[in-house]
């Protein structure tokens, strides 16, 4: 799209909003950034360097005047300002939409409730192992707008995409779209409607055609009916499924602990599933999805195999921090919903001391009660959600304690855990009641573990 001479309002002055502002200015637009709260210092400094007008702490009349608006993912579409734009019949786009306008680089876009960061990073790792150019961005790494602003010839972009970023797309079309799973999360942004949240996730493939690929979880019950409907459409992308337990029509699956590629009704053995470097069935699925992305780009099996064996995971996602007196301390701070905790607990056969809690998002902890009963002998609840955790899981674990801080929680855990056991931080909650981010929460946990003597 030609934006030269257009007047564009950016709603939200955080990382992706400011990146979009800079991209659009470089393409010839007049840009104004508005934020109802304070703009972070680093973002404000960048706007000043780029000579981009902005306001913070509220919206003036200038925020309502423009050809179209770009909304940051942290701003709900039903907030007063974007709502006023939409009610006036004018367009609002997401940052990933406007970024897509200005890059020809093939895009691998990865979404799902859990596993996005691990899988996006894994794709990047595999491309590097193949000696191919790949940049990492979106929800992690660099904002897509910054990648689009400085294109690299011959590259592929691996993009982690959230439901919020998909809410306001128009023509956004990845070469490879990937949906890892869909379970309830962020429902407060969708009027507590799981159907609306699901619809947002599914938008990742709405513009794809027969030359594109959609990689999806064959065993996800939510996805199943939507994929069946999609397969009957004339402009259906090429469908590649992955499963750790069932044979798929086309894609990758596990049979007798062997990873099998199935393409054009022909099967090809890749490797033993047990040789994948990351533990847990969920990481097996993440690895299968990564492998399919590589096959879509015709990367050799031996390169795929090496990456699946060598990839060590990402920080704050089942990250082993330290072993002290035979007790393993694991940082899973990125587990911000109940389903992620379920996957984490499934990864361990050892007894677990579980640090759980934070800002509750309407969690239904009954979903993990079975795993807690079978593996967790002590729950240590933290944050605003600790009373709700006590109410829902009081009968699931022999001990349920509460702590006022992460440091206190780690100290309690070190007293309760015995040799051969695991202390697992897997909160199931947002971090903002006690910390700046899940990264900050994980770092505080690691620092507290580092002080155990």
Protein backbone atom coordinates (compact mmCIF):
# COMPACT_ATOMS: atom_id res chain seq x y z
CA UNK A 1 0.00 0.00 0.00
CA UNK A 2 1.22 3.50 -0.82
CA UNK A 3 1.11 5.61 2.36
CA UNK A 4 2.97 8.62 0.99
CA UNK A 5 1.17 11.78 2.10
CA UNK A 6 -1.22 9.88 4.39
CA UNK A 7 -1.90 11.03 7.94
CA UNK A 8 -1.75 8.01 10.25
CA UNK A 9 -2.50 7.75 13.97
CA UNK A 10 -0.68 5.10 16.02
CA UNK A 11 -2.68 4.03 19.08
CA UNK A 12 -0.23 2.81 21.72
CA UNK A 13 3.35 3.89 22.27
CA UNK A 14 5.03 0.63 23.24
CA UNK A 15 7.58 -1.33 21.19
CA UNK A 16 5.50 -2.44 18.19
CA UNK A 17 3.51 0.79 17.94
CA UNK A 18 6.65 2.89 17.81
CA UNK A 19 8.23 0.50 15.28
CA UNK A 20 5.15 0.88 13.06
CA UNK A 21 5.33 4.66 13.42
CA UNK A 22 8.95 4.70 12.26
CA UNK A 23 8.27 2.37 9.33
CA UNK A 24 5.32 4.43 8.10
CA UNK A 25 7.23 7.69 8.44
CA UNK A 26 10.09 6.23 6.39
CA UNK A 27 7.52 5.32 3.72
CA UNK A 28 6.38 8.94 3.45
CA UNK A 29 3.46 9.17 5.89
CA UNK A 30 2.81 11.82 8.52
CA UNK A 31 2.53 9.95 11.81
CA UNK A 32 1.15 10.84 15.23
CA UNK A 33 1.50 8.51 18.25
CA UNK A 34 -1.01 8.66 21.09
CA UNK A 35 -1.10 6.68 24.34
CA UNK A 36 -3.57 6.88 27.22
CA UNK A 37 -0.77 6.08 29.66
CA UNK A 38 2.92 6.91 29.92
CA UNK A 39 5.10 6.00 26.94
CA UNK A 40 8.18 4.00 28.03
CA UNK A 41 11.41 6.00 28.12
CA UNK A 42 13.08 3.94 25.39
CA UNK A 43 10.08 4.41 23.07
CA UNK A 44 9.85 8.12 23.79
CA UNK A 45 13.55 8.58 23.04
CA UNK A 46 13.14 6.79 19.71
CA UNK A 47 10.17 8.95 18.72
CA UNK A 48 12.16 12.06 19.53
CA UNK A 49 15.12 10.86 17.44
CA UNK A 50 12.77 10.23 14.52
CA UNK A 51 11.01 13.61 15.00
CA UNK A 52 7.62 11.89 15.33
CA UNK A 53 4.92 13.80 17.18
CA UNK A 54 3.39 12.02 20.16
CA UNK A 55 1.24 12.50 23.23
CA UNK A 56 0.92 10.45 26.42
CA UNK A 57 -1.35 10.32 29.45
CA UNK A 58 -4.52 10.77 27.39
CA UNK A 59 -5.91 11.33 23.92
CA UNK A 60 -6.42 14.79 22.39
CA UNK A 61 -8.54 15.66 19.35
CA UNK A 62 -5.49 14.98 17.17
CA UNK A 63 -5.85 11.29 18.01
CA UNK A 64 -9.19 11.18 16.19
CA UNK A 65 -7.98 12.69 12.90
CA UNK A 66 -6.29 10.65 10.20
CA UNK A 67 -6.67 8.46 7.13
CA UNK A 68 -6.38 5.30 9.19
CA UNK A 69 -5.03 4.12 12.53
CA UNK A 70 -2.58 1.43 13.59
CA UNK A 71 -3.30 -0.18 16.94
CA UNK A 72 -0.71 -1.71 19.25
CA UNK A 73 -1.48 -5.27 20.42
CA UNK A 74 -1.67 -4.12 24.04
CA UNK A 75 -4.66 -1.85 23.28
CA UNK A 76 -8.09 -3.56 23.14
CA UNK A 77 -10.14 -2.79 20.04
CA UNK A 78 -13.09 -1.86 22.27
CA UNK A 79 -11.13 0.82 24.16
CA UNK A 80 -12.75 4.26 23.69
CA UNK A 81 -10.38 5.64 21.02
CA UNK A 82 -10.23 2.64 18.65
CA UNK A 83 -13.95 2.13 19.18
CA UNK A 84 -14.58 5.71 18.04
CA UNK A 85 -12.46 5.13 14.94
CA UNK A 86 -14.34 1.97 14.03
CA UNK A 87 -17.75 3.53 14.67
CA UNK A 88 -16.85 6.34 12.26
CA UNK A 89 -16.28 3.76 9.52
CA UNK A 90 -12.52 4.27 9.31
CA UNK A 91 -9.94 1.49 9.20
CA UNK A 92 -7.77 0.28 12.04
CA UNK A 93 -4.87 -2.05 11.23
CA UNK A 94 -2.49 -4.07 13.38
CA UNK A 95 1.26 -3.58 13.29
CA UNK A 96 1.78 -6.94 11.57
CA UNK A 97 -0.67 -5.93 8.83
CA UNK A 98 1.11 -2.68 7.91
CA UNK A 99 4.50 -4.39 8.21
CA UNK A 100 3.43 -7.08 5.75
CA UNK A 101 2.67 -4.38 3.15
CA UNK A 102 6.34 -3.46 2.94
CA UNK A 103 8.27 -6.73 2.82
CA UNK A 104 8.59 -9.46 0.22
CA UNK A 105 10.45 -11.80 2.59
CA UNK A 106 8.69 -15.17 2.95
CA UNK A 107 6.98 -15.31 6.32
CA UNK A 108 6.55 -18.21 8.74
CA UNK A 109 3.90 -16.99 11.20
CA UNK A 110 3.41 -19.07 14.34
CA UNK A 111 0.48 -18.82 16.73
CA UNK A 112 -1.17 -20.96 19.39
CA UNK A 113 -2.00 -20.67 23.05
CA UNK A 114 1.21 -22.38 24.15
CA UNK A 115 4.54 -23.15 22.52
CA UNK A 116 4.80 -20.08 20.26
CA UNK A 117 8.10 -18.76 21.58
CA UNK A 118 9.79 -22.16 21.70
CA UNK A 119 8.68 -23.09 18.19
CA UNK A 120 9.49 -19.71 16.62
CA UNK A 121 12.96 -19.82 18.16
CA UNK A 122 13.35 -23.43 17.02
CA UNK A 123 12.50 -22.48 13.43
CA UNK A 124 15.15 -19.76 13.60
CA UNK A 125 17.67 -22.26 15.01
CA UNK A 126 16.94 -24.75 12.21
CA UNK A 127 17.37 -22.13 9.49
CA UNK A 128 20.69 -21.10 10.99
CA UNK A 129 21.76 -24.76 11.11
CA UNK A 130 20.94 -24.97 7.40
CA UNK A 131 23.11 -21.93 6.69
CA UNK A 132 20.08 -19.94 5.54
CA UNK A 133 19.16 -16.34 6.36
CA UNK A 134 16.36 -16.08 8.91
CA UNK A 135 15.37 -13.31 11.28
CA UNK A 136 13.26 -13.70 14.40
CA UNK A 137 10.53 -11.26 15.39
CA UNK A 138 6.99 -10.41 16.38
CA UNK A 139 6.08 -11.12 19.97
CA UNK A 140 9.72 -11.99 20.59
CA UNK A 141 12.89 -10.47 19.25
CA UNK A 142 12.46 -7.52 16.91
CA UNK A 143 9.11 -5.97 16.01
CA UNK A 144 7.94 -7.04 12.55
CA UNK A 145 7.83 -3.39 11.48
CA UNK A 146 11.55 -3.01 12.19
CA UNK A 147 12.30 -6.14 10.16
CA UNK A 148 10.21 -4.78 7.28
CA UNK A 149 11.97 -1.42 7.53
CA UNK A 150 15.39 -3.04 6.99
CA UNK A 151 14.83 -6.00 4.62
CA UNK A 152 17.55 -8.58 4.03
CA UNK A 153 17.66 -10.14 0.53
CA UNK A 154 16.99 -13.88 0.52
CA UNK A 155 15.85 -14.05 4.12
CA UNK A 156 12.92 -15.82 5.74
CA UNK A 157 11.18 -14.18 8.71
CA UNK A 158 10.03 -16.35 11.62
CA UNK A 159 7.29 -14.43 13.42
CA UNK A 160 5.60 -15.21 16.73
CA UNK A 161 2.03 -13.92 16.41
CA UNK A 162 -0.52 -13.42 19.19
CA UNK A 163 -4.29 -13.28 18.90
CA UNK A 164 -4.12 -9.54 19.66
CA UNK A 165 -1.90 -8.98 16.61
CA UNK A 166 -4.29 -10.95 14.39
CA UNK A 167 -7.37 -9.00 15.49
CA UNK A 168 -6.91 -6.18 13.00
CA UNK A 169 -5.35 -7.75 9.92
CA UNK A 170 -6.71 -7.24 6.40
CA UNK A 171 -4.39 -8.76 3.76
CA UNK A 172 -1.73 -10.32 6.03
CA UNK A 173 -0.68 -13.57 4.34
CA UNK A 174 2.15 -15.78 5.61
CA UNK A 175 3.80 -18.29 3.28
CA UNK A 176 3.61 -20.76 6.17
CA UNK A 177 1.03 -20.36 8.94
CA UNK A 178 1.29 -22.54 12.02
CA UNK A 179 -1.32 -23.14 14.74
CA UNK A 180 0.12 -25.18 17.59
CA UNK A 181 -2.98 -25.48 19.80
CA UNK A 182 -5.97 -23.50 21.04
CA UNK A 183 -7.04 -23.53 24.69
CA UNK A 184 -8.68 -20.79 26.82
CA UNK A 185 -6.45 -17.77 27.51
CA UNK A 186 -6.76 -13.97 27.48
CA UNK A 187 -10.54 -14.37 27.55
CA UNK A 188 -10.90 -11.05 29.38
CA UNK A 189 -9.92 -9.39 26.05
CA UNK A 190 -12.67 -11.29 24.23
CA UNK A 191 -15.66 -10.73 26.48
CA UNK A 192 -14.93 -14.07 28.19
CA UNK A 193 -15.79 -15.76 24.89
CA UNK A 194 -13.60 -18.71 23.91
CA UNK A 195 -15.28 -18.66 20.49
CA UNK A 196 -14.10 -15.09 19.83
CA UNK A 197 -10.59 -15.94 21.00
CA UNK A 198 -10.55 -18.98 18.70
CA UNK A 199 -11.83 -16.92 15.75
CA UNK A 200 -8.97 -14.48 16.28
CA UNK A 201 -6.36 -17.25 16.20
CA UNK A 202 -7.85 -18.74 13.04
CA UNK A 203 -7.42 -15.47 11.15
CA UNK A 204 -3.79 -16.42 10.61
CA UNK A 205 -4.79 -18.42 7.51
CA UNK A 206 -7.74 -16.37 6.22
CA UNK A 207 -5.80 -14.90 3.27
CA UNK A 208 -3.76 -17.97 2.39
CA UNK A 209 -4.13 -19.72 -0.96
CA UNK A 210 -3.08 -22.98 -2.63
CA UNK A 211 0.58 -21.92 -2.84
CA UNK A 212 0.82 -21.48 0.95
CA UNK A 213 1.08 -23.96 3.82
CA UNK A 214 -0.96 -24.33 6.99
CA UNK A 215 0.69 -26.48 9.66
CA UNK A 216 -1.70 -27.52 12.42
CA UNK A 217 -2.11 -29.79 15.44
CA UNK A 218 -4.03 -32.84 14.23
CA UNK A 219 -5.07 -33.79 17.78
CA UNK A 220 -6.46 -30.41 18.84
CA UNK A 221 -10.26 -30.82 19.09
CA UNK A 222 -10.91 -27.11 18.55
CA UNK A 223 -8.87 -27.01 15.36
CA UNK A 224 -10.25 -30.25 13.97
CA UNK A 225 -13.68 -28.99 12.89
CA UNK A 226 -12.30 -25.75 11.48
CA UNK A 227 -9.66 -27.55 9.41
CA UNK A 228 -12.27 -29.94 8.07
CA UNK A 229 -14.35 -26.97 6.89
CA UNK A 230 -11.28 -25.25 5.43
CA UNK A 231 -10.28 -28.35 3.47
CA UNK A 232 -13.51 -28.11 1.46
CA UNK A 233 -12.78 -24.56 0.28
CA UNK A 234 -11.44 -23.88 -3.21
CA UNK A 235 -8.58 -21.65 -2.01
CA UNK A 236 -7.46 -23.96 0.77
CA UNK A 237 -3.73 -23.79 1.56
CA UNK A 238 -1.68 -26.97 1.55
CA UNK A 239 -2.47 -28.68 4.86
CA UNK A 240 0.29 -30.33 6.90
CA UNK A 241 -0.69 -31.89 10.22
CA UNK A 242 1.46 -33.03 13.14
CA UNK A 243 0.66 -35.56 15.86
CA UNK A 244 2.59 -37.34 18.58
CA UNK A 245 0.12 -40.25 18.60
CA UNK A 246 -2.01 -40.55 15.44
CA UNK A 247 -1.27 -41.04 11.77
CA UNK A 248 -1.99 -37.85 9.80
CA UNK A 249 -3.31 -37.40 6.22
CA UNK A 250 -0.16 -35.44 5.34
CA UNK A 251 2.56 -34.04 7.58
CA UNK A 252 4.57 -35.56 10.44
CA UNK A 253 3.60 -38.04 13.12
CA UNK A 254 5.03 -40.52 15.62
CA UNK A 255 4.62 -44.27 15.20
CA UNK A 256 6.42 -46.74 17.50
CA UNK A 257 8.60 -43.88 18.81
CA UNK A 258 9.69 -43.03 15.26
CA UNK A 259 9.07 -39.66 13.58
CA UNK A 260 7.58 -40.20 10.14
CA UNK A 261 7.12 -37.65 7.37
CA UNK A 262 4.10 -38.40 5.20
CA UNK A 263 3.93 -36.47 1.94
CA UNK A 264 1.93 -37.38 -1.18
CA UNK A 265 1.02 -40.70 0.47
CA UNK A 266 4.72 -41.61 0.76
CA UNK A 267 6.38 -42.12 4.14
CA UNK A 268 9.91 -41.13 5.11
CA UNK A 269 11.60 -42.00 8.44
CA UNK A 270 13.26 -38.96 10.05
CA UNK A 271 14.53 -40.01 13.49
CA UNK A 272 13.62 -41.61 16.79
CA UNK A 273 11.28 -39.38 18.78
CA UNK A 274 13.32 -39.98 21.93
CA UNK A 275 16.34 -38.30 20.34
CA UNK A 276 14.70 -34.85 20.32
CA UNK A 277 16.71 -32.58 22.60
CA UNK A 278 13.82 -31.04 24.56
CA UNK A 279 11.84 -33.11 27.04
CA UNK A 280 8.06 -33.34 27.15
CA UNK A 281 5.32 -34.39 24.73
CA UNK A 282 4.49 -30.76 24.03
CA UNK A 283 8.05 -30.15 22.86
CA UNK A 284 7.82 -33.24 20.67
CA UNK A 285 4.84 -31.58 18.98
CA UNK A 286 6.71 -28.26 18.75
CA UNK A 287 9.57 -30.12 17.08
CA UNK A 288 7.25 -31.83 14.60
CA UNK A 289 5.76 -28.46 13.64
CA UNK A 290 9.24 -26.98 13.22
CA UNK A 291 10.27 -29.91 11.03
CA UNK A 292 7.24 -29.41 8.79
CA UNK A 293 8.09 -25.73 8.30
CA UNK A 294 11.53 -26.82 7.16
CA UNK A 295 10.09 -29.41 4.77
CA UNK A 296 7.83 -26.72 3.28
CA UNK A 297 11.04 -24.90 2.32
CA UNK A 298 12.73 -28.13 1.14
CA UNK A 299 15.42 -28.18 3.84
CA UNK A 300 17.24 -31.52 3.95
CA UNK A 301 16.26 -34.18 6.49
CA UNK A 302 19.74 -34.37 7.99
CA UNK A 303 19.64 -30.65 8.84
CA UNK A 304 16.18 -31.03 10.37
CA UNK A 305 17.37 -34.02 12.39
CA UNK A 306 20.42 -32.18 13.74
CA UNK A 307 18.34 -29.18 14.82
CA UNK A 308 15.74 -31.33 16.57
CA UNK A 309 18.53 -33.06 18.49
CA UNK A 310 20.58 -29.97 19.34
CA UNK A 311 18.05 -27.23 20.14
CA UNK A 312 18.22 -26.41 23.86
CA UNK A 313 15.04 -24.40 24.30
CA UNK A 314 14.38 -20.83 25.41
CA UNK A 315 14.80 -18.93 28.63
CA UNK A 316 11.86 -19.06 31.08
CA UNK A 317 10.34 -22.13 29.37
CA UNK A 318 11.15 -25.31 31.33
CA UNK A 319 14.62 -23.85 31.80
CA UNK A 320 16.81 -25.84 34.18
CA UNK A 321 18.38 -23.31 36.52
CA UNK A 322 20.42 -25.31 38.99
CA UNK A 323 20.71 -28.59 40.89
CA UNK A 324 21.23 -28.10 44.62
CA UNK A 325 21.65 -31.12 46.94
CA UNK A 326 20.03 -33.33 44.33
CA UNK A 327 17.00 -31.04 43.83
CA UNK A 328 16.44 -29.69 40.31
CA UNK A 329 15.12 -26.10 40.05
CA UNK A 330 13.20 -25.35 36.84
CA UNK A 331 12.05 -21.93 35.61
CA UNK A 332 8.82 -22.07 33.59
CA UNK A 333 7.80 -18.46 34.19
CA UNK A 334 6.41 -18.20 30.67
CA UNK A 335 3.61 -20.61 31.66
CA UNK A 336 0.94 -17.92 32.04
CA UNK A 337 -2.10 -20.18 31.70
CA UNK A 338 -3.32 -23.46 33.17
CA UNK A 339 -2.77 -25.46 30.00
CA UNK A 340 0.92 -24.54 29.96
CA UNK A 341 1.27 -25.80 33.54
CA UNK A 342 -0.42 -29.06 32.55
CA UNK A 343 2.18 -29.56 29.82
CA UNK A 344 4.98 -28.69 32.23
CA UNK A 345 3.83 -31.23 34.83
CA UNK A 346 3.49 -33.88 32.12
CA UNK A 347 7.21 -33.38 31.45
CA UNK A 348 8.28 -34.74 34.84
CA UNK A 349 8.19 -38.19 36.38
CA UNK A 350 9.80 -37.00 39.62
CA UNK A 351 7.88 -35.60 42.63
CA UNK A 352 7.34 -31.85 42.28
CA UNK A 353 7.15 -28.79 44.52
CA UNK A 354 5.08 -26.36 42.45
CA UNK A 355 5.25 -22.56 42.75
CA UNK A 356 1.98 -21.31 41.33
CA UNK A 357 0.19 -17.97 41.13
CA UNK A 358 0.23 -14.33 40.11
CA UNK A 359 -2.54 -12.25 38.57
CA UNK A 360 -5.36 -14.71 37.94
CA UNK A 361 -7.11 -14.59 34.54
CA UNK A 362 -10.20 -16.53 35.57
CA UNK A 363 -8.29 -19.81 35.69
CA UNK A 364 -9.99 -23.16 36.09
CA UNK A 365 -7.39 -25.10 38.06
CA UNK A 366 -9.43 -28.29 37.90
CA UNK A 367 -7.73 -28.83 34.53
CA UNK A 368 -4.44 -29.59 36.31
CA UNK A 369 -5.87 -31.21 39.45
CA UNK A 370 -5.19 -34.73 38.15
CA UNK A 371 -1.54 -34.00 37.36
CA UNK A 372 -1.14 -32.21 40.69
CA UNK A 373 -2.52 -35.19 42.61
CA UNK A 374 -0.20 -37.63 40.88
CA UNK A 375 3.03 -35.57 40.98
CA UNK A 376 2.89 -32.54 43.31
CA UNK A 377 3.33 -32.98 47.05
CA UNK A 378 3.58 -29.25 47.83
CA UNK A 379 2.02 -26.19 46.20
CA UNK A 380 3.38 -22.77 47.12
CA UNK A 381 0.91 -20.11 46.00
CA UNK A 382 2.01 -16.52 45.35
CA UNK A 383 0.49 -13.27 44.15
CA UNK A 384 -3.06 -12.01 43.84
CA UNK A 385 -4.33 -15.42 42.78
CA UNK A 386 -3.14 -17.37 45.79
CA UNK A 387 -6.51 -17.47 47.57
CA UNK A 388 -8.23 -18.75 44.42
CA UNK A 389 -5.54 -21.41 44.10
CA UNK A 390 -6.14 -22.44 47.71
CA UNK A 391 -9.88 -22.62 47.07
CA UNK A 392 -9.62 -24.75 43.94
CA UNK A 393 -6.63 -26.98 44.74
CA UNK A 394 -6.87 -27.42 48.51
CA UNK A 395 -7.60 -31.14 48.17
CA UNK A 396 -5.21 -31.84 45.31
CA UNK A 397 -1.90 -31.69 47.18
CA UNK A 398 -0.84 -32.77 50.70
CA UNK A 399 0.64 -29.33 51.38
CA UNK A 400 -0.59 -25.96 50.10
CA UNK A 401 1.38 -22.99 51.42
CA UNK A 402 1.33 -19.29 50.57
CA UNK A 403 4.27 -16.92 50.19
CA UNK A 404 4.42 -13.13 50.05
CA UNK A 405 7.37 -12.96 47.66
CA UNK A 406 9.29 -15.09 45.18
CA UNK A 407 12.24 -15.17 47.55
CA UNK A 408 10.04 -16.58 50.32
CA UNK A 409 8.49 -19.10 47.91
CA UNK A 410 11.92 -20.39 46.84
CA UNK A 411 13.05 -20.65 50.47
CA UNK A 412 9.92 -22.66 51.34
CA UNK A 413 10.39 -24.87 48.30
CA UNK A 414 14.01 -25.63 49.18
CA UNK A 415 12.87 -26.78 52.63
CA UNK A 416 10.13 -29.04 51.25
CA UNK A 417 11.98 -30.62 48.32
CA UNK A 418 14.07 -33.76 48.76
CA UNK A 419 16.91 -35.26 46.71
CA UNK A 420 15.64 -36.49 43.33
CA UNK A 421 12.71 -34.04 43.29
CA UNK A 422 11.93 -30.94 41.23
CA UNK A 423 11.08 -27.39 42.28
CA UNK A 424 9.04 -25.97 39.41
CA UNK A 425 8.02 -22.36 38.91
CA UNK A 426 5.06 -22.67 36.54
CA UNK A 427 2.67 -19.91 37.60
CA UNK A 428 -0.43 -20.29 35.34
CA UNK A 429 -0.97 -16.55 35.85
CA UNK A 430 0.11 -13.18 34.53
CA UNK A 431 3.06 -11.57 36.30
CA UNK A 432 1.98 -7.95 36.60
CA UNK A 433 0.80 -8.06 40.22
CA UNK A 434 4.38 -8.55 41.46
CA UNK A 435 6.70 -8.15 38.46
CA UNK A 436 7.21 -6.13 35.28
CA UNK A 437 6.91 -9.17 33.01
CA UNK A 438 7.18 -12.94 32.98
CA UNK A 439 10.89 -12.45 32.15
CA UNK A 440 11.33 -10.36 35.29
CA UNK A 441 9.50 -12.99 37.35
CA UNK A 442 11.72 -15.75 35.98
CA UNK A 443 14.86 -13.71 36.62
CA UNK A 444 13.89 -13.10 40.26
CA UNK A 445 13.26 -16.84 40.64
CA UNK A 446 16.68 -17.66 39.18
CA UNK A 447 18.40 -15.13 41.42
CA UNK A 448 16.67 -16.59 44.49
CA UNK A 449 17.70 -20.11 43.44
CA UNK A 450 21.25 -18.87 42.94
CA UNK A 451 21.39 -17.78 46.58
CA UNK A 452 20.52 -21.24 47.95
CA UNK A 453 23.56 -22.63 49.73
